[in-house]
Amino acid sequence: MRSDHGEFKRGVSQSCIPYRVVFMDVCTPGVENYQIALRIHEKFTKRHQRPLLVALTGNTDKSTKEKCMSFGLDGVLLKLVSLDNMRNVLSDLLEHRVLYEAM
């Protein structure tokens, strides 16, 4: 499910995110997804209460993966994503709560 950026930021500030998984395009100009990830971690101190945070990126370099990990994202998914790949990723995330595709 997609939410507009402003609505999502309001949900973060109110500790009310009704999603189990949040996909964040970490390379969107003008959007501070890394900072939003940090705010989500601050609001949900218990890991099982917060949504899973997954970075979407076309960058295949290790520094992007490392940055995502340092900001507490639970996974990194490389673009372009097929429907079958998305199903597998969601299944793995919900079972193991972490996923980092090979980069």
PDB file of N, CA and C in Angstrom:
ATOM      1  N   MET A   1       0.839  -1.168   0.000  1.00  0.00           N
ATOM      2  CA  MET A   1       0.000   0.000   0.000  1.00  0.00           C
ATOM      3  C   MET A   1       0.886   1.234   0.000  1.00  0.00           C
ATOM      4  N   ARG A   2       0.527   2.204  -0.752  1.00  0.00           N
ATOM      5  CA  ARG A   2       1.334   3.417  -0.871  1.00  0.00           C
ATOM      6  C   ARG A   2       0.668   4.558  -0.109  1.00  0.00           C
ATOM      7  N   SER A   3       1.464   5.302   0.567  1.00  0.00           N
ATOM      8  CA  SER A   3       0.974   6.458   1.309  1.00  0.00           C
ATOM      9  C   SER A   3       1.732   7.677   0.813  1.00  0.00           C
ATOM     10  N   ASP A   4       1.056   8.845   0.756  1.00  0.00           N
ATOM     11  CA  ASP A   4       1.810  10.020   0.348  1.00  0.00           C
ATOM     12  C   ASP A   4       2.768  10.401   1.476  1.00  0.00           C
ATOM     13  N   HIS A   5       3.829  11.067   1.122  1.00  0.00           N
ATOM     14  CA  HIS A   5       4.926  11.357   2.047  1.00  0.00           C
ATOM     15  C   HIS A   5       4.453  12.144   3.266  1.00  0.00           C
ATOM     16  N   GLY A   6       3.626  13.160   3.073  1.00  0.00           N
ATOM     17  CA  GLY A   6       3.142  13.981   4.186  1.00  0.00           C
ATOM     18  C   GLY A   6       2.306  13.180   5.161  1.00  0.00           C
ATOM     19  N   GLU A   7       1.428  12.337   4.650  1.00  0.00           N
ATOM     20  CA  GLU A   7       0.588  11.493   5.503  1.00  0.00           C
ATOM     21  C   GLU A   7       1.446  10.540   6.325  1.00  0.00           C
ATOM     22  N   PHE A   8       2.449   9.969   5.693  1.00  0.00           N
ATOM     23  CA  PHE A   8       3.318   9.032   6.385  1.00  0.00           C
ATOM     24  C   PHE A   8       4.104   9.736   7.483  1.00  0.00           C
ATOM     25  N   LYS A   9       4.641  10.922   7.193  1.00  0.00           N
ATOM     26  CA  LYS A   9       5.389  11.678   8.207  1.00  0.00           C
ATOM     27  C   LYS A   9       4.497  12.017   9.406  1.00  0.00           C
ATOM     28  N   ARG A  10       3.238  12.359   9.161  1.00  0.00           N
ATOM     29  CA  ARG A  10       2.321  12.629  10.270  1.00  0.00           C
ATOM     30  C   ARG A  10       2.125  11.381  11.107  1.00  0.00           C
ATOM     31  N   GLY A  11       1.997  10.225  10.456  1.00  0.00           N
ATOM     32  CA  GLY A  11       1.843   8.960  11.178  1.00  0.00           C
ATOM     33  C   GLY A  11       3.049   8.651  12.041  1.00  0.00           C
ATOM     34  N   VAL A  12       4.229   8.938  11.536  1.00  0.00           N
ATOM     35  CA  VAL A  12       5.454   8.709  12.301  1.00  0.00           C
ATOM     36  C   VAL A  12       5.455   9.582  13.540  1.00  0.00           C
ATOM     37  N   SER A  13       5.099  10.836  13.396  1.00  0.00           N
ATOM     38  CA  SER A  13       5.144  11.752  14.535  1.00  0.00           C
ATOM     39  C   SER A  13       4.081  11.408  15.575  1.00  0.00           C
ATOM     40  N   GLN A  14       3.042  10.688  15.183  1.00  0.00           N
ATOM     41  CA  GLN A  14       1.979  10.323  16.115  1.00  0.00           C
ATOM     42  C   GLN A  14       2.093   8.873  16.573  1.00  0.00           C
ATOM     43  N   SER A  15       3.177   8.181  16.218  1.00  0.00           N
ATOM     44  CA  SER A  15       3.360   6.774  16.565  1.00  0.00           C
ATOM     45  C   SER A  15       2.214   5.915  16.052  1.00  0.00           C
ATOM     46  N   CYS A  16       1.718   6.237  14.884  1.00  0.00           N
ATOM     47  CA  CYS A  16       0.573   5.531  14.332  1.00  0.00           C
ATOM     48  C   CYS A  16       0.867   5.164  12.888  1.00  0.00           C
ATOM     49  N   ILE A  17       1.530   4.048  12.690  1.00  0.00           N
ATOM     50  CA  ILE A  17       1.822   3.582  11.342  1.00  0.00           C
ATOM     51  C   ILE A  17       1.098   2.253  11.164  1.00  0.00           C
ATOM     52  N   PRO A  18       0.027   2.226  10.392  1.00  0.00           N
ATOM     53  CA  PRO A  18      -0.797   1.022  10.305  1.00  0.00           C
ATOM     54  C   PRO A  18      -0.275  -0.026   9.312  1.00  0.00           C
ATOM     55  N   TYR A  19       1.011  -0.005   9.018  1.00  0.00           N
ATOM     56  CA  TYR A  19       1.576  -0.925   8.041  1.00  0.00           C
ATOM     57  C   TYR A  19       2.556  -1.872   8.722  1.00  0.00           C
ATOM     58  N   ARG A  20       2.653  -3.099   8.223  1.00  0.00           N
ATOM     59  CA  ARG A  20       3.632  -4.061   8.751  1.00  0.00           C
ATOM     60  C   ARG A  20       4.972  -3.924   8.053  1.00  0.00           C
ATOM     61  N   VAL A  21       4.941  -3.486   6.802  1.00  0.00           N
ATOM     62  CA  VAL A  21       6.168  -3.310   6.021  1.00  0.00           C
ATOM     63  C   VAL A  21       6.090  -1.956   5.330  1.00  0.00           C
ATOM     64  N   VAL A  22       7.179  -1.194   5.398  1.00  0.00           N
ATOM     65  CA  VAL A  22       7.250   0.095   4.727  1.00  0.00           C
ATOM     66  C   VAL A  22       8.437   0.057   3.769  1.00  0.00           C
ATOM     67  N   PHE A  23       8.174   0.260   2.487  1.00  0.00           N
ATOM     68  CA  PHE A  23       9.218   0.326   1.476  1.00  0.00           C
ATOM     69  C   PHE A  23       9.563   1.796   1.255  1.00  0.00           C
ATOM     70  N   MET A  24      10.848   2.120   1.350  1.00  0.00           N
ATOM     71  CA  MET A  24      11.296   3.501   1.225  1.00  0.00           C
ATOM     72  C   MET A  24      12.297   3.606   0.090  1.00  0.00           C
ATOM     73  N   ASP A  25      11.989   4.441  -0.890  1.00  0.00           N
ATOM     74  CA  ASP A  25      12.958   4.699  -1.955  1.00  0.00           C
ATOM     75  C   ASP A  25      13.991   5.658  -1.380  1.00  0.00           C
ATOM     76  N   VAL A  26      15.172   5.154  -1.093  1.00  0.00           N
ATOM     77  CA  VAL A  26      16.177   5.954  -0.391  1.00  0.00           C
ATOM     78  C   VAL A  26      16.905   6.945  -1.294  1.00  0.00           C
ATOM     79  N   CYS A  27      16.582   6.952  -2.563  1.00  0.00           N
ATOM     80  CA  CYS A  27      17.261   7.869  -3.492  1.00  0.00           C
ATOM     81  C   CYS A  27      16.324   8.925  -4.066  1.00  0.00           C
ATOM     82  N   THR A  28      15.183   9.148  -3.441  1.00  0.00           N
ATOM     83  CA  THR A  28      14.244  10.144  -3.917  1.00  0.00           C
ATOM     84  C   THR A  28      14.723  11.535  -3.521  1.00  0.00           C
ATOM     85  N   PRO A  29      14.959  12.412  -4.486  1.00  0.00           N
ATOM     86  CA  PRO A  29      15.400  13.771  -4.152  1.00  0.00           C
ATOM     87  C   PRO A  29      14.365  14.500  -3.297  1.00  0.00           C
ATOM     88  N   GLY A  30      14.835  15.176  -2.269  1.00  0.00           N
ATOM     89  CA  GLY A  30      13.961  15.969  -1.428  1.00  0.00           C
ATOM     90  C   GLY A  30      13.215  15.195  -0.354  1.00  0.00           C
ATOM     91  N   VAL A  31      13.425  13.888  -0.274  1.00  0.00           N
ATOM     92  CA  VAL A  31      12.759  13.070   0.732  1.00  0.00           C
ATOM     93  C   VAL A  31      13.823  12.521   1.684  1.00  0.00           C
ATOM     94  N   GLU A  32      13.605  12.712   2.959  1.00  0.00           N
ATOM     95  CA  GLU A  32      14.593  12.325   3.970  1.00  0.00           C
ATOM     96  C   GLU A  32      14.275  10.955   4.562  1.00  0.00           C
ATOM     97  N   ASN A  33      14.300   9.905   3.731  1.00  0.00           N
ATOM     98  CA  ASN A  33      13.898   8.588   4.200  1.00  0.00           C
ATOM     99  C   ASN A  33      14.802   8.032   5.289  1.00  0.00           C
ATOM    100  N   TYR A  34      16.083   8.344   5.259  1.00  0.00           N
ATOM    101  CA  TYR A  34      16.955   7.856   6.320  1.00  0.00           C
ATOM    102  C   TYR A  34      16.557   8.479   7.656  1.00  0.00           C
ATOM    103  N   GLN A  35      16.235   9.757   7.658  1.00  0.00           N
ATOM    104  CA  GLN A  35      15.811  10.427   8.893  1.00  0.00           C
ATOM    105  C   GLN A  35      14.450   9.906   9.360  1.00  0.00           C
ATOM    106  N   ILE A  36      13.579   9.603   8.421  1.00  0.00           N
ATOM    107  CA  ILE A  36      12.279   9.024   8.779  1.00  0.00           C
ATOM    108  C   ILE A  36      12.487   7.668   9.435  1.00  0.00           C
ATOM    109  N   ALA A  37      13.411   6.879   8.914  1.00  0.00           N
ATOM    110  CA  ALA A  37      13.711   5.577   9.521  1.00  0.00           C
ATOM    111  C   ALA A  37      14.171   5.749  10.962  1.00  0.00           C
ATOM    112  N   LEU A  38      15.033   6.719  11.218  1.00  0.00           N
ATOM    113  CA  LEU A  38      15.489   6.975  12.584  1.00  0.00           C
ATOM    114  C   LEU A  38      14.325   7.383  13.484  1.00  0.00           C
ATOM    115  N   ARG A  39      13.433   8.201  12.984  1.00  0.00           N
ATOM    116  CA  ARG A  39      12.273   8.638  13.777  1.00  0.00           C
ATOM    117  C   ARG A  39      11.354   7.465  14.097  1.00  0.00           C
ATOM    118  N   ILE A  40      11.201   6.552  13.158  1.00  0.00           N
ATOM    119  CA  ILE A  40      10.375   5.371  13.412  1.00  0.00           C
ATOM    120  C   ILE A  40      11.002   4.542  14.534  1.00  0.00           C
ATOM    121  N   HIS A  41      12.312   4.381  14.497  1.00  0.00           N
ATOM    122  CA  HIS A  41      12.995   3.638  15.564  1.00  0.00           C
ATOM    123  C   HIS A  41      12.817   4.321  16.916  1.00  0.00           C
ATOM    124  N   GLU A  42      12.847   5.646  16.942  1.00  0.00           N
ATOM    125  CA  GLU A  42      12.652   6.383  18.195  1.00  0.00           C
ATOM    126  C   GLU A  42      11.246   6.191  18.746  1.00  0.00           C
ATOM    127  N   LYS A  43      10.257   6.167  17.874  1.00  0.00           N
ATOM    128  CA  LYS A  43       8.863   6.047  18.303  1.00  0.00           C
ATOM    129  C   LYS A  43       8.496   4.632  18.737  1.00  0.00           C
ATOM    130  N   PHE A  44       9.094   3.651  18.091  1.00  0.00           N
ATOM    131  CA  PHE A  44       8.783   2.255  18.389  1.00  0.00           C
ATOM    132  C   PHE A  44      10.014   1.606  19.000  1.00  0.00           C
ATOM    133  N   THR A  45      10.116   1.668  20.315  1.00  0.00           N
ATOM    134  CA  THR A  45      11.316   1.159  20.969  1.00  0.00           C
ATOM    135  C   THR A  45      11.376  -0.363  20.956  1.00  0.00           C
ATOM    136  N   LYS A  46      10.235  -1.015  20.846  1.00  0.00           N
ATOM    137  CA  LYS A  46      10.214  -2.478  20.755  1.00  0.00           C
ATOM    138  C   LYS A  46      10.120  -2.873  19.286  1.00  0.00           C
ATOM    139  N   ARG A  47      11.093  -3.648  18.846  1.00  0.00           N
ATOM    140  CA  ARG A  47      11.205  -3.967  17.424  1.00  0.00           C
ATOM    141  C   ARG A  47       9.947  -4.617  16.866  1.00  0.00           C
ATOM    142  N   HIS A  48       9.319  -5.477  17.639  1.00  0.00           N
ATOM    143  CA  HIS A  48       8.138  -6.182  17.130  1.00  0.00           C
ATOM    144  C   HIS A  48       6.926  -5.263  16.964  1.00  0.00           C
ATOM    145  N   GLN A  49       6.970  -4.053  17.527  1.00  0.00           N
ATOM    146  CA  GLN A  49       5.847  -3.127  17.405  1.00  0.00           C
ATOM    147  C   GLN A  49       5.948  -2.227  16.179  1.00  0.00           C
ATOM    148  N   ARG A  50       7.135  -2.058  15.662  1.00  0.00           N
ATOM    149  CA  ARG A  50       7.298  -1.153  14.526  1.00  0.00           C
ATOM    150  C   ARG A  50       7.211  -1.923  13.213  1.00  0.00           C
ATOM    151  N   PRO A  51       6.899  -1.196  12.134  1.00  0.00           N
ATOM    152  CA  PRO A  51       6.882  -1.869  10.832  1.00  0.00           C
ATOM    153  C   PRO A  51       8.300  -2.215  10.383  1.00  0.00           C
ATOM    154  N   LEU A  52       8.390  -3.205   9.532  1.00  0.00           N
ATOM    155  CA  LEU A  52       9.668  -3.512   8.895  1.00  0.00           C
ATOM    156  C   LEU A  52       9.982  -2.411   7.907  1.00  0.00           C
ATOM    157  N   LEU A  53      11.220  -1.971   7.870  1.00  0.00           N
ATOM    158  CA  LEU A  53      11.642  -0.882   6.999  1.00  0.00           C
ATOM    159  C   LEU A  53      12.568  -1.431   5.927  1.00  0.00           C
ATOM    160  N   VAL A  54      12.170  -1.267   4.678  1.00  0.00           N
ATOM    161  CA  VAL A  54      12.925  -1.818   3.559  1.00  0.00           C
ATOM    162  C   VAL A  54      13.283  -0.710   2.580  1.00  0.00           C
ATOM    163  N   ALA A  55      14.560  -0.585   2.299  1.00  0.00           N
ATOM    164  CA  ALA A  55      15.031   0.397   1.327  1.00  0.00           C
ATOM    165  C   ALA A  55      14.847  -0.150  -0.078  1.00  0.00           C
ATOM    166  N   LEU A  56      14.365   0.690  -0.964  1.00  0.00           N
ATOM    167  CA  LEU A  56      14.324   0.388  -2.390  1.00  0.00           C
ATOM    168  C   LEU A  56      15.390   1.250  -3.044  1.00  0.00           C
ATOM    169  N   THR A  57      16.244   0.636  -3.831  1.00  0.00           N
ATOM    170  CA  THR A  57      17.313   1.398  -4.469  1.00  0.00           C
ATOM    171  C   THR A  57      17.764   0.730  -5.754  1.00  0.00           C
ATOM    172  N   GLY A  58      18.255   1.538  -6.633  1.00  0.00           N
ATOM    173  CA  GLY A  58      18.885   1.039  -7.849  1.00  0.00           C
ATOM    174  C   GLY A  58      20.396   0.981  -7.697  1.00  0.00           C
ATOM    175  N   ASN A  59      20.898   1.513  -6.578  1.00  0.00           N
ATOM    176  CA  ASN A  59      22.343   1.515  -6.326  1.00  0.00           C
ATOM    177  C   ASN A  59      22.802   0.136  -5.866  1.00  0.00           C
ATOM    178  N   THR A  60      23.817  -0.369  -6.503  1.00  0.00           N
ATOM    179  CA  THR A  60      24.315  -1.696  -6.147  1.00  0.00           C
ATOM    180  C   THR A  60      25.633  -1.642  -5.389  1.00  0.00           C
ATOM    181  N   ASP A  61      26.037  -0.459  -4.979  1.00  0.00           N
ATOM    182  CA  ASP A  61      27.307  -0.352  -4.268  1.00  0.00           C
ATOM    183  C   ASP A  61      27.145  -0.713  -2.785  1.00  0.00           C
ATOM    184  N   LYS A  62      28.249  -1.158  -2.184  1.00  0.00           N
ATOM    185  CA  LYS A  62      28.221  -1.569  -0.785  1.00  0.00           C
ATOM    186  C   LYS A  62      27.923  -0.410   0.156  1.00  0.00           C
ATOM    187  N   SER A  63      28.332   0.799  -0.198  1.00  0.00           N
ATOM    188  CA  SER A  63      28.125   1.936   0.694  1.00  0.00           C
ATOM    189  C   SER A  63      26.632   2.221   0.903  1.00  0.00           C
ATOM    190  N   THR A  64      25.807   2.003  -0.114  1.00  0.00           N
ATOM    191  CA  THR A  64      24.362   2.200   0.038  1.00  0.00           C
ATOM    192  C   THR A  64      23.805   1.186   1.019  1.00  0.00           C
ATOM    193  N   LYS A  65      24.193  -0.068   0.875  1.00  0.00           N
ATOM    194  CA  LYS A  65      23.746  -1.117   1.787  1.00  0.00           C
ATOM    195  C   LYS A  65      24.196  -0.806   3.211  1.00  0.00           C
ATOM    196  N   GLU A  66      25.437  -0.409   3.375  1.00  0.00           N
ATOM    197  CA  GLU A  66      25.970  -0.104   4.702  1.00  0.00           C
ATOM    198  C   GLU A  66      25.242   1.082   5.324  1.00  0.00           C
ATOM    199  N   LYS A  67      24.925   2.094   4.522  1.00  0.00           N
ATOM    200  CA  LYS A  67      24.199   3.251   5.036  1.00  0.00           C
ATOM    201  C   LYS A  67      22.803   2.830   5.489  1.00  0.00           C
ATOM    202  N   CYS A  68      22.153   2.004   4.703  1.00  0.00           N
ATOM    203  CA  CYS A  68      20.822   1.511   5.079  1.00  0.00           C
ATOM    204  C   CYS A  68      20.887   0.749   6.397  1.00  0.00           C
ATOM    205  N   MET A  69      21.867  -0.091   6.536  1.00  0.00           N
ATOM    206  CA  MET A  69      22.027  -0.856   7.764  1.00  0.00           C
ATOM    207  C   MET A  69      22.297   0.072   8.948  1.00  0.00           C
ATOM    208  N   SER A  70      23.119   1.092   8.750  1.00  0.00           N
ATOM    209  CA  SER A  70      23.468   1.995   9.847  1.00  0.00           C
ATOM    210  C   SER A  70      22.276   2.831  10.303  1.00  0.00           C
ATOM    211  N   PHE A  71      21.311   3.054   9.428  1.00  0.00           N
ATOM    212  CA  PHE A  71      20.118   3.807   9.801  1.00  0.00           C
ATOM    213  C   PHE A  71      18.989   2.885  10.265  1.00  0.00           C
ATOM    214  N   GLY A  72      19.276   1.596  10.375  1.00  0.00           N
ATOM    215  CA  GLY A  72      18.314   0.671  10.956  1.00  0.00           C
ATOM    216  C   GLY A  72      17.266   0.117  10.029  1.00  0.00           C
ATOM    217  N   LEU A  73      17.490   0.202   8.718  1.00  0.00           N
ATOM    218  CA  LEU A  73      16.540  -0.423   7.814  1.00  0.00           C
ATOM    219  C   LEU A  73      16.716  -1.941   7.901  1.00  0.00           C
ATOM    220  N   ASP A  74      15.612  -2.656   7.824  1.00  0.00           N
ATOM    221  CA  ASP A  74      15.633  -4.106   7.987  1.00  0.00           C
ATOM    222  C   ASP A  74      16.042  -4.836   6.720  1.00  0.00           C
ATOM    223  N   GLY A  75      16.025  -4.147   5.617  1.00  0.00           N
ATOM    224  CA  GLY A  75      16.386  -4.797   4.375  1.00  0.00           C
ATOM    225  C   GLY A  75      16.626  -3.801   3.268  1.00  0.00           C
ATOM    226  N   VAL A  76      17.251  -4.297   2.223  1.00  0.00           N
ATOM    227  CA  VAL A  76      17.497  -3.506   1.017  1.00  0.00           C
ATOM    228  C   VAL A  76      17.031  -4.346  -0.154  1.00  0.00           C
ATOM    229  N   LEU A  77      16.213  -3.775  -0.989  1.00  0.00           N
ATOM    230  CA  LEU A  77      15.692  -4.447  -2.165  1.00  0.00           C
ATOM    231  C   LEU A  77      16.112  -3.658  -3.390  1.00  0.00           C
ATOM    232  N   LEU A  78      16.737  -4.350  -4.327  1.00  0.00           N
ATOM    233  CA  LEU A  78      17.213  -3.690  -5.541  1.00  0.00           C
ATOM    234  C   LEU A  78      16.095  -3.566  -6.560  1.00  0.00           C
ATOM    235  N   LYS A  79      16.032  -2.399  -7.205  1.00  0.00           N
ATOM    236  CA  LYS A  79      15.076  -2.175  -8.287  1.00  0.00           C
ATOM    237  C   LYS A  79      15.636  -2.821  -9.552  1.00  0.00           C
ATOM    238  N   LEU A  80      14.926  -3.151 -10.403  1.00  0.00           N
ATOM    239  CA  LEU A  80      13.519  -3.299 -10.662  1.00  0.00           C
ATOM    240  C   LEU A  80      13.028  -4.570  -9.977  1.00  0.00           C
ATOM    241  N   VAL A  81      11.838  -4.512  -9.450  1.00  0.00           N
ATOM    242  CA  VAL A  81      11.303  -5.605  -8.651  1.00  0.00           C
ATOM    243  C   VAL A  81      10.162  -6.269  -9.403  1.00  0.00           C
ATOM    244  N   SER A  82      10.236  -7.592  -9.530  1.00  0.00           N
ATOM    245  CA  SER A  82       9.149  -8.342 -10.152  1.00  0.00           C
ATOM    246  C   SER A  82       8.148  -8.751  -9.067  1.00  0.00           C
ATOM    247  N   LEU A  83       6.958  -9.111  -9.476  1.00  0.00           N
ATOM    248  CA  LEU A  83       5.926  -9.536  -8.535  1.00  0.00           C
ATOM    249  C   LEU A  83       6.377 -10.785  -7.771  1.00  0.00           C
ATOM    250  N   ASP A  84       6.979 -11.740  -8.473  1.00  0.00           N
ATOM    251  CA  ASP A  84       7.468 -12.951  -7.804  1.00  0.00           C
ATOM    252  C   ASP A  84       8.555 -12.622  -6.789  1.00  0.00           C
ATOM    253  N   ASN A  85       9.463 -11.735  -7.170  1.00  0.00           N
ATOM    254  CA  ASN A  85      10.523 -11.327  -6.251  1.00  0.00           C
ATOM    255  C   ASN A  85       9.932 -10.641  -5.021  1.00  0.00           C
ATOM    256  N   MET A  86       8.940  -9.790  -5.226  1.00  0.00           N
ATOM    257  CA  MET A  86       8.301  -9.101  -4.113  1.00  0.00           C
ATOM    258  C   MET A  86       7.642 -10.094  -3.156  1.00  0.00           C
ATOM    259  N   ARG A  87       6.970 -11.090  -3.694  1.00  0.00           N
ATOM    260  CA  ARG A  87       6.357 -12.118  -2.834  1.00  0.00           C
ATOM    261  C   ARG A  87       7.415 -12.817  -1.980  1.00  0.00           C
ATOM    262  N   ASN A  88       8.522 -13.201  -2.623  1.00  0.00           N
ATOM    263  CA  ASN A  88       9.592 -13.878  -1.896  1.00  0.00           C
ATOM    264  C   ASN A  88      10.198 -12.986  -0.819  1.00  0.00           C
ATOM    265  N   VAL A  89      10.406 -11.734  -1.160  1.00  0.00           N
ATOM    266  CA  VAL A  89      10.982 -10.778  -0.216  1.00  0.00           C
ATOM    267  C   VAL A  89      10.056 -10.591   0.984  1.00  0.00           C
ATOM    268  N   LEU A  90       8.778 -10.382   0.722  1.00  0.00           N
ATOM    269  CA  LEU A  90       7.829 -10.198   1.825  1.00  0.00           C
ATOM    270  C   LEU A  90       7.766 -11.431   2.710  1.00  0.00           C
ATOM    271  N   SER A  91       7.768 -12.591   2.112  1.00  0.00           N
ATOM    272  CA  SER A  91       7.750 -13.836   2.884  1.00  0.00           C
ATOM    273  C   SER A  91       8.978 -13.937   3.779  1.00  0.00           C
ATOM    274  N   ASP A  92      10.159 -13.684   3.207  1.00  0.00           N
ATOM    275  CA  ASP A  92      11.401 -13.735   3.991  1.00  0.00           C
ATOM    276  C   ASP A  92      11.411 -12.684   5.090  1.00  0.00           C
ATOM    277  N   LEU A  93      10.977 -11.485   4.769  1.00  0.00           N
ATOM    278  CA  LEU A  93      10.962 -10.411   5.765  1.00  0.00           C
ATOM    279  C   LEU A  93      10.041 -10.737   6.930  1.00  0.00           C
ATOM    280  N   LEU A  94       8.860 -11.202   6.630  1.00  0.00           N
ATOM    281  CA  LEU A  94       7.905 -11.481   7.693  1.00  0.00           C
ATOM    282  C   LEU A  94       8.328 -12.676   8.536  1.00  0.00           C
ATOM    283  N   GLU A  95       9.065 -13.591   7.947  1.00  0.00           N
ATOM    284  CA  GLU A  95       9.538 -14.760   8.701  1.00  0.00           C
ATOM    285  C   GLU A  95      10.792 -14.455   9.509  1.00  0.00           C
ATOM    286  N   HIS A  96      11.762 -13.769   8.895  1.00  0.00           N
ATOM    287  CA  HIS A  96      13.067 -13.562   9.537  1.00  0.00           C
ATOM    288  C   HIS A  96      13.296 -12.139  10.031  1.00  0.00           C
ATOM    289  N   ARG A  97      12.460 -11.197   9.598  1.00  0.00           N
ATOM    290  CA  ARG A  97      12.544  -9.780   9.961  1.00  0.00           C
ATOM    291  C   ARG A  97      13.822  -9.092   9.500  1.00  0.00           C
ATOM    292  N   VAL A  98      14.501  -9.670   8.523  1.00  0.00           N
ATOM    293  CA  VAL A  98      15.682  -8.997   7.956  1.00  0.00           C
ATOM    294  C   VAL A  98      15.944  -9.559   6.564  1.00  0.00           C
ATOM    295  N   LEU A  99      16.402  -8.700   5.655  1.00  0.00           N
ATOM    296  CA  LEU A  99      16.737  -9.136   4.303  1.00  0.00           C
ATOM    297  C   LEU A  99      17.680  -8.123   3.673  1.00  0.00           C
ATOM    298  N   TYR A 100      18.784  -8.593   3.194  1.00  0.00           N
ATOM    299  CA  TYR A 100      19.696  -7.742   2.437  1.00  0.00           C
ATOM    300  C   TYR A 100      20.080  -8.501   1.179  1.00  0.00           C
ATOM    301  N   GLU A 101      19.535  -8.060   0.056  1.00  0.00           N
ATOM    302  CA  GLU A 101      19.878  -8.704  -1.204  1.00  0.00           C
ATOM    303  C   GLU A 101      21.368  -8.549  -1.466  1.00  0.00           C
ATOM    304  N   ALA A 102      21.899  -9.489  -2.195  1.00  0.00           N
ATOM    305  CA  ALA A 102      23.319  -9.421  -2.563  1.00  0.00           C
ATOM    306  C   ALA A 102      23.575  -8.155  -3.372  1.00  0.00           C
ATOM    307  N   MET A 103      24.625  -7.463  -3.033  1.00  0.00           N
ATOM    308  CA  MET A 103      24.974  -6.233  -3.746  1.00  0.00           C
ATOM    309  C   MET A 103      26.403  -6.327  -4.205  1.00  0.00           C
TER     310      MET A 103
END
